[in-house]
Amino acid sequence: MSTIQLVQEVVIALLVVVGSFFLVVGTLGLLRLPDVYNRMHATSKATTLGAASLFLALFVSHGPRGAGLTSLVGIVFLFITAPTGAHMISRSAQKMGIEFFGDAEWPEEDGDA
């Protein structure tokens, strides 16, 4: 095993560990946080980073062609769709009248904007 292969495998292992950590944190946030807004935040941020780390590990493993290129497309897709989905969930929850946990409130809407 050459030094480059050893470094590549260490990077892959680190990315898998980091990705798994963020996925576990996102899952715990989904299970433990008190309302839809907090749960949405935990899942959209942490699991996006976790899945992106796993995709990046796949890219390091396979290189810039084939499955590696597909993993880069997956990262771009995640970073475009996760914030959009989270925004849609929060707007839907607001329109359904779901209140925040605690004292938080929606900001006043400015009529001029």
N, C-alpha and C. Protein backbone atom coordinates (compact mmCIF):
# COMPACT_ATOMS: atom_id res chain seq x y z
N MET A 1 0.86 -1.18 0.00
CA MET A 1 0.00 0.00 0.00
C MET A 1 0.90 1.24 0.00
N SER A 2 0.65 2.12 -0.97
CA SER A 2 1.47 3.32 -1.06
C SER A 2 0.98 4.38 -0.07
N THR A 3 1.78 5.42 0.07
CA THR A 3 1.43 6.50 1.00
C THR A 3 0.17 7.23 0.55
N ILE A 4 0.03 7.40 -0.76
CA ILE A 4 -1.17 8.10 -1.28
C ILE A 4 -2.42 7.30 -0.97
N GLN A 5 -2.36 6.00 -1.14
CA GLN A 5 -3.53 5.16 -0.83
C GLN A 5 -3.85 5.20 0.66
N LEU A 6 -2.81 5.23 1.49
CA LEU A 6 -3.03 5.29 2.93
C LEU A 6 -3.70 6.61 3.31
N VAL A 7 -3.22 7.72 2.75
CA VAL A 7 -3.83 9.03 3.03
C VAL A 7 -5.27 9.06 2.52
N GLN A 8 -5.51 8.48 1.33
CA GLN A 8 -6.86 8.44 0.78
C GLN A 8 -7.80 7.65 1.70
N GLU A 9 -7.36 6.55 2.20
CA GLU A 9 -8.22 5.75 3.08
C GLU A 9 -8.45 6.43 4.42
N VAL A 10 -7.46 7.16 4.92
CA VAL A 10 -7.66 7.90 6.17
C VAL A 10 -8.67 9.02 5.96
N VAL A 11 -8.57 9.73 4.84
CA VAL A 11 -9.53 10.81 4.54
C VAL A 11 -10.93 10.24 4.39
N ILE A 12 -11.05 9.12 3.71
CA ILE A 12 -12.37 8.49 3.55
C ILE A 12 -12.94 8.10 4.92
N ALA A 13 -12.12 7.52 5.76
CA ALA A 13 -12.59 7.12 7.09
C ALA A 13 -13.02 8.32 7.91
N LEU A 14 -12.24 9.41 7.84
CA LEU A 14 -12.61 10.63 8.58
C LEU A 14 -13.93 11.21 8.08
N LEU A 15 -14.11 11.24 6.75
CA LEU A 15 -15.35 11.78 6.21
C LEU A 15 -16.55 10.91 6.59
N VAL A 16 -16.37 9.61 6.62
CA VAL A 16 -17.47 8.72 7.02
C VAL A 16 -17.80 8.94 8.50
N VAL A 17 -16.79 9.10 9.33
CA VAL A 17 -17.03 9.32 10.77
C VAL A 17 -17.73 10.67 10.98
N VAL A 18 -17.25 11.71 10.30
CA VAL A 18 -17.87 13.03 10.44
C VAL A 18 -19.31 13.00 9.91
N GLY A 19 -19.51 12.37 8.77
CA GLY A 19 -20.87 12.27 8.22
C GLY A 19 -21.80 11.50 9.13
N SER A 20 -21.32 10.42 9.68
CA SER A 20 -22.15 9.63 10.59
C SER A 20 -22.48 10.42 11.85
N PHE A 21 -21.51 11.18 12.34
CA PHE A 21 -21.76 12.01 13.53
C PHE A 21 -22.88 13.02 13.27
N PHE A 22 -22.79 13.72 12.14
CA PHE A 22 -23.82 14.72 11.85
C PHE A 22 -25.18 14.07 11.60
N LEU A 23 -25.20 12.90 11.00
CA LEU A 23 -26.48 12.21 10.79
C LEU A 23 -27.09 11.79 12.12
N VAL A 24 -26.26 11.35 13.06
CA VAL A 24 -26.78 10.98 14.39
C VAL A 24 -27.29 12.23 15.12
N VAL A 25 -26.54 13.33 15.02
CA VAL A 25 -26.99 14.57 15.67
C VAL A 25 -28.32 15.04 15.08
N GLY A 26 -28.45 14.98 13.77
CA GLY A 26 -29.71 15.37 13.14
C GLY A 26 -30.87 14.48 13.55
N THR A 27 -30.60 13.20 13.67
CA THR A 27 -31.64 12.27 14.08
C THR A 27 -32.05 12.51 15.53
N LEU A 28 -31.06 12.74 16.39
CA LEU A 28 -31.40 13.06 17.79
C LEU A 28 -32.19 14.35 17.89
N GLY A 29 -31.83 15.34 17.06
CA GLY A 29 -32.58 16.59 17.05
C GLY A 29 -34.01 16.38 16.61
N LEU A 30 -34.20 15.52 15.62
CA LEU A 30 -35.56 15.22 15.17
C LEU A 30 -36.38 14.56 16.26
N LEU A 31 -35.73 13.71 17.03
CA LEU A 31 -36.46 12.97 18.07
C LEU A 31 -36.65 13.77 19.35
N ARG A 32 -35.72 14.68 19.66
CA ARG A 32 -35.73 15.30 20.98
C ARG A 32 -36.20 16.75 21.03
N LEU A 33 -36.14 17.48 19.94
CA LEU A 33 -36.47 18.91 20.01
C LEU A 33 -37.98 19.11 20.08
N PRO A 34 -38.43 20.26 20.66
CA PRO A 34 -39.82 20.37 21.07
C PRO A 34 -40.84 20.71 19.97
N ASP A 35 -40.47 21.42 18.94
CA ASP A 35 -41.50 21.79 17.95
C ASP A 35 -40.99 21.60 16.53
N VAL A 36 -41.89 21.82 15.58
CA VAL A 36 -41.57 21.54 14.17
C VAL A 36 -40.44 22.42 13.66
N TYR A 37 -40.35 23.65 14.15
CA TYR A 37 -39.32 24.57 13.67
C TYR A 37 -37.93 24.12 14.12
N ASN A 38 -37.82 23.74 15.37
CA ASN A 38 -36.53 23.25 15.87
C ASN A 38 -36.15 21.93 15.23
N ARG A 39 -37.12 21.05 15.05
CA ARG A 39 -36.84 19.76 14.42
C ARG A 39 -36.41 19.95 12.98
N MET A 40 -37.07 20.87 12.29
CA MET A 40 -36.73 21.15 10.90
C MET A 40 -35.30 21.68 10.80
N HIS A 41 -34.93 22.55 11.72
CA HIS A 41 -33.59 23.12 11.71
C HIS A 41 -32.54 22.02 11.92
N ALA A 42 -32.80 21.15 12.91
CA ALA A 42 -31.83 20.09 13.20
C ALA A 42 -31.66 19.16 12.01
N THR A 43 -32.76 18.77 11.42
CA THR A 43 -32.66 17.81 10.32
C THR A 43 -32.09 18.45 9.06
N SER A 44 -32.47 19.67 8.77
CA SER A 44 -32.01 20.27 7.51
C SER A 44 -30.53 20.61 7.56
N LYS A 45 -30.05 21.11 8.66
CA LYS A 45 -28.64 21.50 8.74
C LYS A 45 -27.72 20.31 8.98
N ALA A 46 -27.97 19.58 10.05
CA ALA A 46 -27.05 18.52 10.44
C ALA A 46 -27.06 17.36 9.44
N THR A 47 -28.21 16.96 9.00
CA THR A 47 -28.23 15.82 8.08
C THR A 47 -27.73 16.19 6.70
N THR A 48 -27.87 17.45 6.31
CA THR A 48 -27.27 17.88 5.04
C THR A 48 -25.75 17.78 5.10
N LEU A 49 -25.18 18.25 6.19
CA LEU A 49 -23.73 18.13 6.35
C LEU A 49 -23.29 16.67 6.43
N GLY A 50 -24.07 15.86 7.13
CA GLY A 50 -23.72 14.45 7.24
C GLY A 50 -23.78 13.74 5.91
N ALA A 51 -24.85 13.95 5.17
CA ALA A 51 -24.96 13.30 3.86
C ALA A 51 -23.91 13.83 2.89
N ALA A 52 -23.62 15.13 2.96
CA ALA A 52 -22.58 15.70 2.09
C ALA A 52 -21.22 15.11 2.41
N SER A 53 -20.93 14.86 3.68
CA SER A 53 -19.66 14.24 4.05
C SER A 53 -19.57 12.81 3.51
N LEU A 54 -20.67 12.09 3.55
CA LEU A 54 -20.65 10.73 3.00
C LEU A 54 -20.49 10.76 1.49
N PHE A 55 -21.16 11.69 0.82
CA PHE A 55 -20.98 11.85 -0.63
C PHE A 55 -19.53 12.22 -0.95
N LEU A 56 -18.95 13.08 -0.13
CA LEU A 56 -17.56 13.49 -0.36
C LEU A 56 -16.60 12.31 -0.16
N ALA A 57 -16.90 11.45 0.80
CA ALA A 57 -16.10 10.24 0.98
C ALA A 57 -16.19 9.35 -0.25
N LEU A 58 -17.36 9.27 -0.85
CA LEU A 58 -17.53 8.50 -2.08
C LEU A 58 -16.73 9.12 -3.22
N PHE A 59 -16.71 10.44 -3.27
CA PHE A 59 -15.93 11.13 -4.30
C PHE A 59 -14.45 10.85 -4.12
N VAL A 60 -13.95 10.90 -2.90
CA VAL A 60 -12.53 10.63 -2.65
C VAL A 60 -12.22 9.17 -2.99
N SER A 61 -13.14 8.29 -2.76
CA SER A 61 -12.93 6.87 -3.02
C SER A 61 -12.90 6.57 -4.52
N HIS A 62 -13.82 7.16 -5.30
CA HIS A 62 -13.97 6.80 -6.71
C HIS A 62 -13.34 7.79 -7.68
N GLY A 63 -12.98 8.97 -7.22
CA GLY A 63 -12.36 9.93 -8.14
C GLY A 63 -13.39 10.74 -8.91
N PRO A 64 -12.93 11.56 -9.84
CA PRO A 64 -13.83 12.52 -10.50
C PRO A 64 -14.72 11.92 -11.59
N ARG A 65 -14.67 10.65 -11.85
CA ARG A 65 -15.51 10.06 -12.90
C ARG A 65 -16.51 9.09 -12.28
N GLY A 66 -17.53 8.75 -13.02
CA GLY A 66 -18.49 7.73 -12.61
C GLY A 66 -19.20 8.06 -11.31
N ALA A 67 -19.05 7.18 -10.34
CA ALA A 67 -19.73 7.35 -9.06
C ALA A 67 -19.24 8.59 -8.31
N GLY A 68 -17.99 8.97 -8.51
CA GLY A 68 -17.47 10.18 -7.88
C GLY A 68 -18.17 11.42 -8.39
N LEU A 69 -18.37 11.50 -9.70
CA LEU A 69 -19.09 12.63 -10.29
C LEU A 69 -20.54 12.65 -9.81
N THR A 70 -21.14 11.48 -9.73
CA THR A 70 -22.51 11.40 -9.22
C THR A 70 -22.59 11.89 -7.79
N SER A 71 -21.59 11.60 -6.99
CA SER A 71 -21.60 12.07 -5.60
C SER A 71 -21.47 13.60 -5.54
N LEU A 72 -20.68 14.19 -6.43
CA LEU A 72 -20.61 15.66 -6.45
C LEU A 72 -21.96 16.27 -6.84
N VAL A 73 -22.63 15.66 -7.79
CA VAL A 73 -23.96 16.14 -8.18
C VAL A 73 -24.92 16.00 -6.99
N GLY A 74 -24.77 14.92 -6.23
CA GLY A 74 -25.60 14.73 -5.03
C GLY A 74 -25.37 15.82 -4.00
N ILE A 75 -24.12 16.24 -3.83
CA ILE A 75 -23.81 17.32 -2.88
C ILE A 75 -24.47 18.62 -3.32
N VAL A 76 -24.35 18.93 -4.60
CA VAL A 76 -24.97 20.16 -5.12
C VAL A 76 -26.49 20.09 -4.94
N PHE A 77 -27.07 18.93 -5.26
CA PHE A 77 -28.51 18.75 -5.10
C PHE A 77 -28.93 18.95 -3.65
N LEU A 78 -28.17 18.39 -2.72
CA LEU A 78 -28.50 18.55 -1.29
C LEU A 78 -28.46 20.02 -0.87
N PHE A 79 -27.41 20.73 -1.29
CA PHE A 79 -27.26 22.11 -0.85
C PHE A 79 -28.28 23.04 -1.51
N ILE A 80 -28.87 22.62 -2.60
CA ILE A 80 -29.94 23.42 -3.22
C ILE A 80 -31.30 23.08 -2.61
N THR A 81 -31.58 21.80 -2.43
CA THR A 81 -32.92 21.40 -2.03
C THR A 81 -33.18 21.43 -0.53
N ALA A 82 -32.17 21.21 0.30
CA ALA A 82 -32.41 21.17 1.75
C ALA A 82 -32.88 22.51 2.31
N PRO A 83 -32.25 23.64 1.98
CA PRO A 83 -32.78 24.91 2.49
C PRO A 83 -34.15 25.24 1.93
N THR A 84 -34.37 24.90 0.66
CA THR A 84 -35.68 25.16 0.06
C THR A 84 -36.76 24.34 0.75
N GLY A 85 -36.48 23.08 0.99
CA GLY A 85 -37.45 22.23 1.68
C GLY A 85 -37.72 22.69 3.10
N ALA A 86 -36.66 23.09 3.80
CA ALA A 86 -36.84 23.58 5.17
C ALA A 86 -37.67 24.85 5.19
N HIS A 87 -37.42 25.73 4.23
CA HIS A 87 -38.21 26.96 4.16
C HIS A 87 -39.69 26.64 3.88
N MET A 88 -39.94 25.71 2.99
CA MET A 88 -41.32 25.36 2.68
C MET A 88 -42.02 24.73 3.88
N ILE A 89 -41.31 23.91 4.63
CA ILE A 89 -41.90 23.31 5.83
C ILE A 89 -42.23 24.38 6.86
N SER A 90 -41.32 25.33 7.06
CA SER A 90 -41.58 26.36 8.07
C SER A 90 -42.72 27.28 7.63
N ARG A 91 -42.79 27.63 6.36
CA ARG A 91 -43.90 28.48 5.89
C ARG A 91 -45.23 27.74 6.00
N SER A 92 -45.23 26.45 5.70
CA SER A 92 -46.46 25.68 5.83
C SER A 92 -46.89 25.59 7.29
N ALA A 93 -45.93 25.40 8.18
CA ALA A 93 -46.26 25.34 9.60
C ALA A 93 -46.79 26.68 10.08
N GLN A 94 -46.20 27.78 9.60
CA GLN A 94 -46.70 29.11 9.98
C GLN A 94 -48.12 29.31 9.48
N LYS A 95 -48.39 28.95 8.24
CA LYS A 95 -49.74 29.13 7.69
C LYS A 95 -50.76 28.23 8.37
N MET A 96 -50.31 27.09 8.92
CA MET A 96 -51.22 26.22 9.66
C MET A 96 -51.44 26.71 11.09
N GLY A 97 -50.70 27.75 11.49
CA GLY A 97 -50.87 28.33 12.81
C GLY A 97 -50.13 27.61 13.92
N ILE A 98 -49.11 26.87 13.58
CA ILE A 98 -48.33 26.17 14.60
C ILE A 98 -47.45 27.19 15.32
N GLU A 99 -47.57 27.23 16.63
CA GLU A 99 -46.84 28.20 17.44
C GLU A 99 -45.43 27.72 17.73
N PHE A 100 -44.55 28.69 18.03
CA PHE A 100 -43.20 28.37 18.46
C PHE A 100 -43.23 27.82 19.87
N PHE A 101 -42.24 27.01 20.20
CA PHE A 101 -42.03 26.58 21.56
C PHE A 101 -41.37 27.74 22.30
N GLY A 102 -41.85 28.11 23.43
CA GLY A 102 -41.25 29.19 24.22
C GLY A 102 -41.81 30.55 23.83
N ASP A 103 -40.96 31.57 23.97
CA ASP A 103 -41.40 32.95 23.78
C ASP A 103 -41.14 33.50 22.38
N ALA A 104 -40.61 32.74 21.49
CA ALA A 104 -40.26 33.24 20.16
C ALA A 104 -41.52 33.60 19.37
N GLU A 105 -41.38 34.59 18.50
CA GLU A 105 -42.50 35.03 17.65
C GLU A 105 -41.98 35.28 16.25
N TRP A 106 -42.87 35.25 15.28
CA TRP A 106 -42.50 35.61 13.92
C TRP A 106 -42.24 37.11 13.87
N PRO A 107 -41.31 37.55 13.08
CA PRO A 107 -41.08 39.00 12.95
C PRO A 107 -42.27 39.67 12.28
N GLU A 108 -42.44 40.96 12.63
CA GLU A 108 -43.53 41.72 12.02
C GLU A 108 -43.28 41.84 10.53
N GLU A 109 -44.35 41.64 9.74
CA GLU A 109 -44.19 41.80 8.30
C GLU A 109 -44.24 43.27 7.96
N ASP A 110 -43.30 43.68 7.13
CA ASP A 110 -43.21 45.07 6.70
C ASP A 110 -44.03 45.23 5.43
N GLY A 111 -44.99 46.12 5.42
CA GLY A 111 -45.86 46.30 4.27
C GLY A 111 -45.18 46.87 3.05
N ASP A 112 -44.04 47.56 3.24
CA ASP A 112 -43.34 48.17 2.11
C ASP A 112 -42.47 47.20 1.34
N ALA A 113 -42.14 46.05 1.91
CA ALA A 113 -41.18 45.14 1.26
C ALA A 113 -41.77 44.38 0.12
